[in-house]
Amino acid sequence: MAVLRSGDLFPAVTVNEIFSKVKGHSALAKLSNQTPIPFAGETTYVFNLDGNAQIVGEGGRKEAGGATFEPKIVKPLKFVYQARVTDEFVKTSEEKQLQYLRSFIDGYATKIAEAFDIAAIHGLEPKSLTDASFKATNSFDGLVTGNVITYDAATIDDNIDAAIATVVSDGGDVTGVALSPLASAALGKVKVNGVVQYPEFRFGQNPNAFYGMQSDVNKTLVVAGGTAELDHAIVGDFDKAFKWGYTENIPLEIIEFGDPDGTGRDLKAYNEVCLRAEAFIGWGILVPENFARIVETVI
């Protein structure tokens, strides 16, 4: 790899590595499968077919079934993260630049993962933690409003059972469960006749599965800001009813002048440069009824 300059794109292998790390830090990315999203976005049609198929005898009339479809637009949004490093970055060798980039990529992946969850789960602008324009139309807090269970730490397993029942009773599938750290700890404390029922959640562990479902424990479920709710668990069909993806280009900008992050510190005065990277991520909750939330307070 040549020495990086402003405007270069991260190599494709690096982009894949970034989002591989994101998958490990984002509950939504871990529980669902990503598909490439074009810059212009794409439209997914959700079909609902009512009634059953019909057996038609000779000369019989073919009766109509009910069918509805609804378009869901998945359009990528720009997620930006930037950090200051010493201006040695632009003067040093390729090997040294890669050492800087390795640290930057690790931090970038974590920040993008958290931002993705905060936006898609709560409908918040991740940095300001204020309600975003898409909160009501493209977030779990905004769309999953019917299947809501009130959180009770003492009966968290019953809470999860009730949440799953609301999805299944509507004909949906449950492929995954995302838990807050408090809900996970509560599961680890559930005992019957003195016997711990869910030992895999004790001592801060984060198991990959819970009763055959994919699972993840993540602090992003209980972010405070705007009108976000404390979602101690989200269950539902993360395989088919939720879609997300990213565009393959992540530009890297090396800013050498001014005060690009508003800290009041001129870059040249402090011998610094600012590394700025942008990722375009899109997501869509295709069938809100196929999810349920366990919240601390029901609004």
C-alpha atoms as a PDB file:
ATOM      1  CA  MET A   1       0.000   0.000   0.000  1.00  0.00           C
ATOM      2  CA  ALA A   2       1.381   3.417  -0.951  1.00  0.00           C
ATOM      3  CA  VAL A   3       1.715   6.242   1.562  1.00  0.00           C
ATOM      4  CA  LEU A   4      -1.793   7.586   2.135  1.00  0.00           C
ATOM      5  CA  ARG A   5      -2.808  11.068   1.113  1.00  0.00           C
ATOM      6  CA  SER A   6      -6.006  13.038   1.568  1.00  0.00           C
ATOM      7  CA  GLY A   7      -8.885  11.724  -0.520  1.00  0.00           C
ATOM      8  CA  ASP A   8      -7.629   8.142  -0.749  1.00  0.00           C
ATOM      9  CA  LEU A   9     -10.109   5.321  -0.307  1.00  0.00           C
ATOM     10  CA  PHE A  10      -9.554   2.590   2.223  1.00  0.00           C
ATOM     11  CA  PRO A  11      -8.609  -0.620   0.367  1.00  0.00           C
ATOM     12  CA  ALA A  12     -11.497  -3.091  -0.029  1.00  0.00           C
ATOM     13  CA  VAL A  13      -9.824  -5.581   2.319  1.00  0.00           C
ATOM     14  CA  THR A  14      -9.599  -2.855   4.970  1.00  0.00           C
ATOM     15  CA  VAL A  15     -13.284  -1.959   4.537  1.00  0.00           C
ATOM     16  CA  ASN A  16     -14.204  -5.620   5.026  1.00  0.00           C
ATOM     17  CA  GLU A  17     -12.054  -5.729   8.147  1.00  0.00           C
ATOM     18  CA  ILE A  18     -13.675  -2.598   9.536  1.00  0.00           C
ATOM     19  CA  PHE A  19     -17.149  -4.055   9.186  1.00  0.00           C
ATOM     20  CA  SER A  20     -16.032  -7.421  10.467  1.00  0.00           C
ATOM     21  CA  LYS A  21     -15.113  -5.577  13.657  1.00  0.00           C
ATOM     22  CA  VAL A  22     -18.404  -3.675  13.525  1.00  0.00           C
ATOM     23  CA  LYS A  23     -20.247  -6.995  13.468  1.00  0.00           C
ATOM     24  CA  GLY A  24     -18.624  -7.859  16.781  1.00  0.00           C
ATOM     25  CA  HIS A  25     -19.576  -4.581  18.460  1.00  0.00           C
ATOM     26  CA  SER A  26     -23.047  -3.884  17.047  1.00  0.00           C
ATOM     27  CA  ALA A  27     -25.977  -5.932  18.319  1.00  0.00           C
ATOM     28  CA  LEU A  28     -27.925  -5.394  15.084  1.00  0.00           C
ATOM     29  CA  ALA A  29     -24.965  -6.307  12.884  1.00  0.00           C
ATOM     30  CA  LYS A  30     -24.285  -9.440  14.916  1.00  0.00           C
ATOM     31  CA  LEU A  31     -27.873 -10.695  14.847  1.00  0.00           C
ATOM     32  CA  SER A  32     -28.594 -10.014  11.166  1.00  0.00           C
ATOM     33  CA  ASN A  33     -26.983 -10.396   7.769  1.00  0.00           C
ATOM     34  CA  GLN A  34     -25.796  -7.381   5.815  1.00  0.00           C
ATOM     35  CA  THR A  35     -26.267  -6.934   2.075  1.00  0.00           C
ATOM     36  CA  PRO A  36     -24.549  -4.301  -0.104  1.00  0.00           C
ATOM     37  CA  ILE A  37     -26.533  -1.057  -0.330  1.00  0.00           C
ATOM     38  CA  PRO A  38     -26.034   1.262  -3.339  1.00  0.00           C
ATOM     39  CA  PHE A  39     -25.394   4.955  -2.740  1.00  0.00           C
ATOM     40  CA  ALA A  40     -28.784   5.802  -4.246  1.00  0.00           C
ATOM     41  CA  GLY A  41     -30.531   3.369  -1.898  1.00  0.00           C
ATOM     42  CA  GLU A  42     -32.879   0.577  -2.874  1.00  0.00           C
ATOM     43  CA  THR A  43     -36.529  -0.323  -2.516  1.00  0.00           C
ATOM     44  CA  THR A  44     -37.565  -3.625  -0.942  1.00  0.00           C
ATOM     45  CA  TYR A  45     -41.166  -4.776  -1.353  1.00  0.00           C
ATOM     46  CA  VAL A  46     -42.761  -6.583   1.573  1.00  0.00           C
ATOM     47  CA  PHE A  47     -45.532  -8.945   0.426  1.00  0.00           C
ATOM     48  CA  ASN A  48     -48.312 -10.242   2.666  1.00  0.00           C
ATOM     49  CA  LEU A  49     -50.452 -13.042   1.282  1.00  0.00           C
ATOM     50  CA  ASP A  50     -53.705 -13.757   3.135  1.00  0.00           C
ATOM     51  CA  GLY A  51     -55.706 -16.973   3.145  1.00  0.00           C
ATOM     52  CA  ASN A  52     -54.680 -20.422   1.908  1.00  0.00           C
ATOM     53  CA  ALA A  53     -53.992 -21.927  -1.481  1.00  0.00           C
ATOM     54  CA  GLN A  54     -56.976 -23.547  -3.187  1.00  0.00           C
ATOM     55  CA  ILE A  55     -57.574 -26.934  -4.771  1.00  0.00           C
ATOM     56  CA  VAL A  56     -59.644 -26.441  -7.906  1.00  0.00           C
ATOM     57  CA  GLY A  57     -61.548 -29.307  -9.439  1.00  0.00           C
ATOM     58  CA  GLU A  58     -62.320 -29.650 -13.137  1.00  0.00           C
ATOM     59  CA  GLY A  59     -64.550 -26.774 -14.158  1.00  0.00           C
ATOM     60  CA  GLY A  60     -64.177 -25.163 -10.708  1.00  0.00           C
ATOM     61  CA  ARG A  61     -63.800 -21.452 -10.154  1.00  0.00           C
ATOM     62  CA  LYS A  62     -60.443 -20.082  -9.111  1.00  0.00           C
ATOM     63  CA  GLU A  63     -61.026 -17.736  -6.181  1.00  0.00           C
ATOM     64  CA  ALA A  64     -58.895 -14.735  -5.419  1.00  0.00           C
ATOM     65  CA  GLY A  65     -56.615 -14.582  -2.422  1.00  0.00           C
ATOM     66  CA  GLY A  66     -55.690 -11.435  -0.540  1.00  0.00           C
ATOM     67  CA  ALA A  67     -52.363  -9.852  -1.290  1.00  0.00           C
ATOM     68  CA  THR A  68     -50.828  -6.587  -0.171  1.00  0.00           C
ATOM     69  CA  PHE A  69     -47.344  -5.220  -0.647  1.00  0.00           C
ATOM     70  CA  GLU A  70     -45.592  -2.254   0.819  1.00  0.00           C
ATOM     71  CA  PRO A  71     -42.386  -0.654  -0.436  1.00  0.00           C
ATOM     72  CA  LYS A  72     -39.598  -0.120   2.101  1.00  0.00           C
ATOM     73  CA  ILE A  73     -36.805   2.224   1.073  1.00  0.00           C
ATOM     74  CA  VAL A  74     -33.371   1.424   2.483  1.00  0.00           C
ATOM     75  CA  LYS A  75     -31.173   4.459   1.890  1.00  0.00           C
ATOM     76  CA  PRO A  76     -27.658   4.822   3.288  1.00  0.00           C
ATOM     77  CA  LEU A  77     -26.835   7.641   5.677  1.00  0.00           C
ATOM     78  CA  LYS A  78     -23.379   9.130   6.138  1.00  0.00           C
ATOM     79  CA  PHE A  79     -21.623   8.247   9.411  1.00  0.00           C
ATOM     80  CA  VAL A  80     -18.537  10.353  10.055  1.00  0.00           C
ATOM     81  CA  TYR A  81     -15.786   9.832  12.608  1.00  0.00           C
ATOM     82  CA  GLN A  82     -12.601  11.858  12.921  1.00  0.00           C
ATOM     83  CA  ALA A  83      -9.629  11.946  15.254  1.00  0.00           C
ATOM     84  CA  ARG A  84      -6.473  14.011  15.666  1.00  0.00           C
ATOM     85  CA  VAL A  85      -2.998  12.507  15.457  1.00  0.00           C
ATOM     86  CA  THR A  86       0.476  14.037  15.341  1.00  0.00           C
ATOM     87  CA  ASP A  87       1.491  15.442  11.949  1.00  0.00           C
ATOM     88  CA  GLU A  88       4.240  12.829  11.952  1.00  0.00           C
ATOM     89  CA  PHE A  89       1.550  10.737  10.236  1.00  0.00           C
ATOM     90  CA  VAL A  90       1.934  12.565   6.907  1.00  0.00           C
ATOM     91  CA  LYS A  91       5.723  12.691   7.064  1.00  0.00           C
ATOM     92  CA  THR A  92       6.577   9.191   8.156  1.00  0.00           C
ATOM     93  CA  SER A  93       7.101   5.927   6.295  1.00  0.00           C
ATOM     94  CA  GLU A  94       4.429   3.617   4.987  1.00  0.00           C
ATOM     95  CA  GLU A  95       5.099   1.166   7.813  1.00  0.00           C
ATOM     96  CA  LYS A  96       4.610   3.849  10.450  1.00  0.00           C
ATOM     97  CA  GLN A  97       1.463   5.121   8.735  1.00  0.00           C
ATOM     98  CA  LEU A  98       0.011   1.618   8.889  1.00  0.00           C
ATOM     99  CA  GLN A  99       0.606   1.536  12.640  1.00  0.00           C
ATOM    100  CA  TYR A 100      -1.356   4.767  13.024  1.00  0.00           C
ATOM    101  CA  LEU A 101      -4.086   3.471  10.730  1.00  0.00           C
ATOM    102  CA  ARG A 102      -4.395   0.207  12.651  1.00  0.00           C
ATOM    103  CA  SER A 103      -5.240   2.095  15.827  1.00  0.00           C
ATOM    104  CA  PHE A 104      -7.540   4.451  13.934  1.00  0.00           C
ATOM    105  CA  ILE A 105      -9.387   1.579  12.246  1.00  0.00           C
ATOM    106  CA  ASP A 106      -9.912  -0.213  15.561  1.00  0.00           C
ATOM    107  CA  GLY A 107     -11.400   2.910  17.123  1.00  0.00           C
ATOM    108  CA  TYR A 108     -13.338   3.777  13.970  1.00  0.00           C
ATOM    109  CA  ALA A 109     -14.982   0.346  13.800  1.00  0.00           C
ATOM    110  CA  THR A 110     -16.115   0.583  17.426  1.00  0.00           C
ATOM    111  CA  LYS A 111     -17.496   4.102  17.022  1.00  0.00           C
ATOM    112  CA  ILE A 112     -19.344   3.245  13.810  1.00  0.00           C
ATOM    113  CA  ALA A 113     -20.816   0.107  15.406  1.00  0.00           C
ATOM    114  CA  GLU A 114     -22.131   2.050  18.393  1.00  0.00           C
ATOM    115  CA  ALA A 115     -23.450   4.821  16.152  1.00  0.00           C
ATOM    116  CA  PHE A 116     -25.297   2.323  13.939  1.00  0.00           C
ATOM    117  CA  ASP A 117     -27.077   0.759  16.925  1.00  0.00           C
ATOM    118  CA  ILE A 118     -27.917   4.125  18.500  1.00  0.00           C
ATOM    119  CA  ALA A 119     -29.431   5.360  15.243  1.00  0.00           C
ATOM    120  CA  ALA A 120     -31.314   2.213  14.214  1.00  0.00           C
ATOM    121  CA  ILE A 121     -32.522   1.152  17.673  1.00  0.00           C
ATOM    122  CA  HIS A 122     -33.377   4.516  19.199  1.00  0.00           C
ATOM    123  CA  GLY A 123     -33.662   6.907  16.258  1.00  0.00           C
ATOM    124  CA  LEU A 124     -31.048   9.238  17.725  1.00  0.00           C
ATOM    125  CA  GLU A 125     -28.309  11.260  16.077  1.00  0.00           C
ATOM    126  CA  PRO A 126     -25.381   9.381  17.658  1.00  0.00           C
ATOM    127  CA  LYS A 127     -23.101  12.298  18.535  1.00  0.00           C
ATOM    128  CA  SER A 128     -25.671  14.763  19.935  1.00  0.00           C
ATOM    129  CA  LEU A 129     -28.030  12.023  21.227  1.00  0.00           C
ATOM    130  CA  THR A 130     -31.027  14.024  20.040  1.00  0.00           C
ATOM    131  CA  ASP A 131     -34.002  12.691  18.096  1.00  0.00           C
ATOM    132  CA  ALA A 132     -33.185  12.232  14.411  1.00  0.00           C
ATOM    133  CA  SER A 133     -35.569  12.932  11.549  1.00  0.00           C
ATOM    134  CA  PHE A 134     -35.978   9.191  10.902  1.00  0.00           C
ATOM    135  CA  LYS A 135     -36.882   8.235  14.483  1.00  0.00           C
ATOM    136  CA  ALA A 136     -40.584   7.613  13.786  1.00  0.00           C
ATOM    137  CA  THR A 137     -40.055   5.918  10.424  1.00  0.00           C
ATOM    138  CA  ASN A 138     -36.866   3.871  10.702  1.00  0.00           C
ATOM    139  CA  SER A 139     -36.001   2.943  14.290  1.00  0.00           C
ATOM    140  CA  PHE A 140     -37.093   0.195  16.651  1.00  0.00           C
ATOM    141  CA  ASP A 141     -38.234   2.715  19.266  1.00  0.00           C
ATOM    142  CA  GLY A 142     -40.288   4.529  16.645  1.00  0.00           C
ATOM    143  CA  LEU A 143     -41.806   1.582  14.784  1.00  0.00           C
ATOM    144  CA  VAL A 144     -42.084  -1.281  17.297  1.00  0.00           C
ATOM    145  CA  THR A 145     -44.803   0.261  19.456  1.00  0.00           C
ATOM    146  CA  GLY A 146     -47.437  -2.491  19.619  1.00  0.00           C
ATOM    147  CA  ASN A 147     -45.429  -5.402  20.971  1.00  0.00           C
ATOM    148  CA  VAL A 148     -44.007  -3.777  24.106  1.00  0.00           C
ATOM    149  CA  ILE A 149     -43.455  -5.527  27.448  1.00  0.00           C
ATOM    150  CA  THR A 150     -42.615  -3.724  30.691  1.00  0.00           C
ATOM    151  CA  TYR A 151     -39.229  -4.724  32.079  1.00  0.00           C
ATOM    152  CA  ASP A 152     -39.039  -6.490  35.441  1.00  0.00           C
ATOM    153  CA  ALA A 153     -35.570  -7.669  36.439  1.00  0.00           C
ATOM    154  CA  ALA A 154     -36.963 -10.289  38.830  1.00  0.00           C
ATOM    155  CA  THR A 155     -38.898 -12.004  36.024  1.00  0.00           C
ATOM    156  CA  ILE A 156     -36.755 -11.184  32.990  1.00  0.00           C
ATOM    157  CA  ASP A 157     -37.079 -14.707  31.598  1.00  0.00           C
ATOM    158  CA  ASP A 158     -40.869 -14.393  31.737  1.00  0.00           C
ATOM    159  CA  ASN A 159     -40.549 -10.979  30.067  1.00  0.00           C
ATOM    160  CA  ILE A 160     -38.618 -12.536  27.184  1.00  0.00           C
ATOM    161  CA  ASP A 161     -41.116 -15.389  26.933  1.00  0.00           C
ATOM    162  CA  ALA A 162     -44.014 -12.918  26.756  1.00  0.00           C
ATOM    163  CA  ALA A 163     -42.232 -10.790  24.150  1.00  0.00           C
ATOM    164  CA  ILE A 164     -41.567 -13.820  21.954  1.00  0.00           C
ATOM    165  CA  ALA A 165     -45.194 -14.925  22.340  1.00  0.00           C
ATOM    166  CA  THR A 166     -46.430 -11.583  20.963  1.00  0.00           C
ATOM    167  CA  VAL A 167     -44.329 -12.032  17.834  1.00  0.00           C
ATOM    168  CA  VAL A 168     -45.159 -15.695  17.305  1.00  0.00           C
ATOM    169  CA  SER A 169     -48.890 -15.137  17.862  1.00  0.00           C
ATOM    170  CA  ASP A 170     -48.846 -12.684  14.944  1.00  0.00           C
ATOM    171  CA  GLY A 171     -47.270 -15.299  12.695  1.00  0.00           C
ATOM    172  CA  GLY A 172     -43.699 -14.031  12.987  1.00  0.00           C
ATOM    173  CA  ASP A 173     -40.469 -15.874  13.654  1.00  0.00           C
ATOM    174  CA  VAL A 174     -37.921 -15.106  16.346  1.00  0.00           C
ATOM    175  CA  THR A 175     -34.320 -15.642  15.271  1.00  0.00           C
ATOM    176  CA  GLY A 176     -32.481 -13.440  17.742  1.00  0.00           C
ATOM    177  CA  VAL A 177     -32.531 -11.530  21.001  1.00  0.00           C
ATOM    178  CA  ALA A 178     -30.549  -8.434  21.953  1.00  0.00           C
ATOM    179  CA  LEU A 179     -30.129  -7.758  25.678  1.00  0.00           C
ATOM    180  CA  SER A 180     -28.941  -4.842  27.752  1.00  0.00           C
ATOM    181  CA  PRO A 181     -26.176  -5.557  30.306  1.00  0.00           C
ATOM    182  CA  LEU A 182     -28.749  -5.171  33.115  1.00  0.00           C
ATOM    183  CA  ALA A 183     -31.120  -7.681  31.509  1.00  0.00           C
ATOM    184  CA  SER A 184     -28.238 -10.083  30.962  1.00  0.00           C
ATOM    185  CA  ALA A 185     -27.174  -9.793  34.602  1.00  0.00           C
ATOM    186  CA  ALA A 186     -30.789 -10.329  35.682  1.00  0.00           C
ATOM    187  CA  LEU A 187     -30.931 -13.546  33.645  1.00  0.00           C
ATOM    188  CA  GLY A 188     -27.768 -14.756  35.344  1.00  0.00           C
ATOM    189  CA  LYS A 189     -29.428 -14.310  38.744  1.00  0.00           C
ATOM    190  CA  VAL A 190     -32.621 -16.263  38.004  1.00  0.00           C
ATOM    191  CA  LYS A 191     -32.777 -19.313  40.271  1.00  0.00           C
ATOM    192  CA  VAL A 192     -35.267 -22.142  40.752  1.00  0.00           C
ATOM    193  CA  ASN A 193     -34.901 -24.069  44.005  1.00  0.00           C
ATOM    194  CA  GLY A 194     -31.531 -22.417  44.454  1.00  0.00           C
ATOM    195  CA  VAL A 195     -30.235 -23.542  41.053  1.00  0.00           C
ATOM    196  CA  VAL A 196     -29.059 -20.875  38.571  1.00  0.00           C
ATOM    197  CA  GLN A 197     -31.084 -21.292  35.384  1.00  0.00           C
ATOM    198  CA  TYR A 198     -28.975 -19.298  32.925  1.00  0.00           C
ATOM    199  CA  PRO A 199     -25.338 -19.619  34.056  1.00  0.00           C
ATOM    200  CA  GLU A 200     -24.049 -18.574  30.627  1.00  0.00           C
ATOM    201  CA  PHE A 201     -25.062 -14.987  31.468  1.00  0.00           C
ATOM    202  CA  ARG A 202     -23.234 -14.832  34.795  1.00  0.00           C
ATOM    203  CA  PHE A 203     -20.110 -12.768  35.432  1.00  0.00           C
ATOM    204  CA  GLY A 204     -20.674 -10.423  32.495  1.00  0.00           C
ATOM    205  CA  GLN A 205     -20.536 -13.094  29.817  1.00  0.00           C
ATOM    206  CA  ASN A 206     -21.966 -12.517  26.334  1.00  0.00           C
ATOM    207  CA  PRO A 207     -23.048 -15.871  24.853  1.00  0.00           C
ATOM    208  CA  ASN A 208     -23.717 -16.134  21.137  1.00  0.00           C
ATOM    209  CA  ALA A 209     -26.951 -18.069  21.573  1.00  0.00           C
ATOM    210  CA  PHE A 210     -29.937 -18.295  23.902  1.00  0.00           C
ATOM    211  CA  TYR A 211     -32.339 -21.251  23.547  1.00  0.00           C
ATOM    212  CA  GLY A 212     -31.489 -21.727  19.896  1.00  0.00           C
ATOM    213  CA  MET A 213     -31.662 -18.014  19.050  1.00  0.00           C
ATOM    214  CA  GLN A 214     -28.705 -15.806  18.283  1.00  0.00           C
ATOM    215  CA  SER A 215     -28.067 -13.433  21.165  1.00  0.00           C
ATOM    216  CA  ASP A 216     -25.997 -10.397  21.998  1.00  0.00           C
ATOM    217  CA  VAL A 217     -25.511  -8.266  25.088  1.00  0.00           C
ATOM    218  CA  ASN A 218     -24.875  -4.615  24.272  1.00  0.00           C
ATOM    219  CA  LYS A 219     -24.958  -1.328  26.145  1.00  0.00           C
ATOM    220  CA  THR A 220     -26.365   0.425  23.063  1.00  0.00           C
ATOM    221  CA  LEU A 221     -29.857  -0.810  23.994  1.00  0.00           C
ATOM    222  CA  VAL A 222     -30.038   1.561  26.953  1.00  0.00           C
ATOM    223  CA  VAL A 223     -28.714   4.842  25.616  1.00  0.00           C
ATOM    224  CA  ALA A 224     -30.214   7.958  27.218  1.00  0.00           C
ATOM    225  CA  GLY A 225     -31.032  10.861  24.934  1.00  0.00           C
ATOM    226  CA  GLY A 226     -33.927  12.572  23.208  1.00  0.00           C
ATOM    227  CA  THR A 227     -37.085  10.488  23.581  1.00  0.00           C
ATOM    228  CA  ALA A 228     -35.206   7.176  23.483  1.00  0.00           C
ATOM    229  CA  GLU A 229     -36.539   4.385  25.676  1.00  0.00           C
ATOM    230  CA  LEU A 230     -34.478   1.977  27.743  1.00  0.00           C
ATOM    231  CA  ASP A 231     -34.795  -1.199  25.663  1.00  0.00           C
ATOM    232  CA  HIS A 232     -33.623  -3.989  27.928  1.00  0.00           C
ATOM    233  CA  ALA A 233     -34.355  -6.541  25.209  1.00  0.00           C
ATOM    234  CA  ILE A 234     -35.418  -6.696  21.580  1.00  0.00           C
ATOM    235  CA  VAL A 235     -36.582 -10.016  20.126  1.00  0.00           C
ATOM    236  CA  GLY A 236     -37.689 -10.803  16.616  1.00  0.00           C
ATOM    237  CA  ASP A 237     -36.906 -11.921  13.096  1.00  0.00           C
ATOM    238  CA  PHE A 238     -33.526 -10.343  12.449  1.00  0.00           C
ATOM    239  CA  ASP A 239     -32.981 -12.694   9.483  1.00  0.00           C
ATOM    240  CA  LYS A 240     -35.839 -11.596   7.239  1.00  0.00           C
ATOM    241  CA  ALA A 241     -37.607  -8.625   8.850  1.00  0.00           C
ATOM    242  CA  PHE A 242     -34.538  -6.405   9.259  1.00  0.00           C
ATOM    243  CA  LYS A 243     -32.093  -5.408   6.554  1.00  0.00           C
ATOM    244  CA  TRP A 244     -28.877  -3.432   6.675  1.00  0.00           C
ATOM    245  CA  GLY A 245     -25.790  -2.878   4.587  1.00  0.00           C
ATOM    246  CA  TYR A 246     -23.005  -0.497   3.693  1.00  0.00           C
ATOM    247  CA  THR A 247     -21.483   0.914   0.539  1.00  0.00           C
ATOM    248  CA  GLU A 248     -18.030  -0.411  -0.237  1.00  0.00           C
ATOM    249  CA  ASN A 249     -16.179   2.908  -0.418  1.00  0.00           C
ATOM    250  CA  ILE A 250     -14.896   4.568   2.761  1.00  0.00           C
ATOM    251  CA  PRO A 251     -12.935   7.721   1.900  1.00  0.00           C
ATOM    252  CA  LEU A 252     -10.117   8.822   4.184  1.00  0.00           C
ATOM    253  CA  GLU A 253      -9.517  12.565   4.467  1.00  0.00           C
ATOM    254  CA  ILE A 254      -6.321  13.945   5.988  1.00  0.00           C
ATOM    255  CA  ILE A 255      -6.948  17.518   7.137  1.00  0.00           C
ATOM    256  CA  GLU A 256      -3.813  19.542   7.842  1.00  0.00           C
ATOM    257  CA  PHE A 257      -5.184  23.053   8.378  1.00  0.00           C
ATOM    258  CA  GLY A 258      -7.740  24.841  10.548  1.00  0.00           C
ATOM    259  CA  ASP A 259      -9.960  23.545  13.342  1.00  0.00           C
ATOM    260  CA  PRO A 260     -12.122  20.871  11.647  1.00  0.00           C
ATOM    261  CA  ASP A 261     -13.566  19.390  14.837  1.00  0.00           C
ATOM    262  CA  GLY A 262     -14.342  22.651  16.649  1.00  0.00           C
ATOM    263  CA  THR A 263     -12.003  22.072  19.594  1.00  0.00           C
ATOM    264  CA  GLY A 264     -10.484  25.557  19.451  1.00  0.00           C
ATOM    265  CA  ARG A 265      -7.046  24.093  18.652  1.00  0.00           C
ATOM    266  CA  ASP A 266      -5.513  25.044  15.314  1.00  0.00           C
ATOM    267  CA  LEU A 267      -3.954  21.970  13.743  1.00  0.00           C
ATOM    268  CA  LYS A 268      -0.752  23.661  12.642  1.00  0.00           C
ATOM    269  CA  ALA A 269      -0.274  25.333  16.008  1.00  0.00           C
ATOM    270  CA  TYR A 270      -0.257  21.960  17.742  1.00  0.00           C
ATOM    271  CA  ASN A 271       1.553  19.951  15.027  1.00  0.00           C
ATOM    272  CA  GLU A 272      -1.496  17.777  14.388  1.00  0.00           C
ATOM    273  CA  VAL A 273      -3.533  16.469  11.490  1.00  0.00           C
ATOM    274  CA  CYS A 274      -7.130  15.263  11.576  1.00  0.00           C
ATOM    275  CA  LEU A 275      -8.075  11.882  10.125  1.00  0.00           C
ATOM    276  CA  ARG A 276     -11.679  11.803   8.928  1.00  0.00           C
ATOM    277  CA  ALA A 277     -13.455   8.750   7.533  1.00  0.00           C
ATOM    278  CA  GLU A 278     -17.022   8.433   6.268  1.00  0.00           C
ATOM    279  CA  ALA A 279     -19.135   5.287   6.027  1.00  0.00           C
ATOM    280  CA  PHE A 280     -22.491   5.068   4.285  1.00  0.00           C
ATOM    281  CA  ILE A 281     -24.804   2.655   6.117  1.00  0.00           C
ATOM    282  CA  GLY A 282     -28.443   1.928   5.349  1.00  0.00           C
ATOM    283  CA  TRP A 283     -31.019  -0.135   7.219  1.00  0.00           C
ATOM    284  CA  GLY A 284     -34.717  -0.907   7.211  1.00  0.00           C
ATOM    285  CA  ILE A 285     -37.163  -2.528   9.621  1.00  0.00           C
ATOM    286  CA  LEU A 286     -39.219  -4.327   7.008  1.00  0.00           C
ATOM    287  CA  VAL A 287     -41.894  -5.842   9.282  1.00  0.00           C
ATOM    288  CA  PRO A 288     -42.139  -4.034  12.644  1.00  0.00           C
ATOM    289  CA  GLU A 289     -44.782  -6.526  13.831  1.00  0.00           C
ATOM    290  CA  ASN A 290     -42.139  -9.241  13.770  1.00  0.00           C
ATOM    291  CA  PHE A 291     -40.300  -7.624  16.674  1.00  0.00           C
ATOM    292  CA  ALA A 292     -41.045  -6.959  20.339  1.00  0.00           C
ATOM    293  CA  ARG A 293     -39.300  -4.761  22.875  1.00  0.00           C
ATOM    294  CA  ILE A 294     -38.914  -5.046  26.658  1.00  0.00           C
ATOM    295  CA  VAL A 295     -38.654  -1.522  28.000  1.00  0.00           C
ATOM    296  CA  GLU A 296     -38.139  -0.041  31.430  1.00  0.00           C
ATOM    297  CA  THR A 297     -40.944   2.458  30.969  1.00  0.00           C
ATOM    298  CA  VAL A 298     -43.773   2.268  28.482  1.00  0.00           C
ATOM    299  CA  ILE A 299     -44.618   5.644  26.960  1.00  0.00           C
END
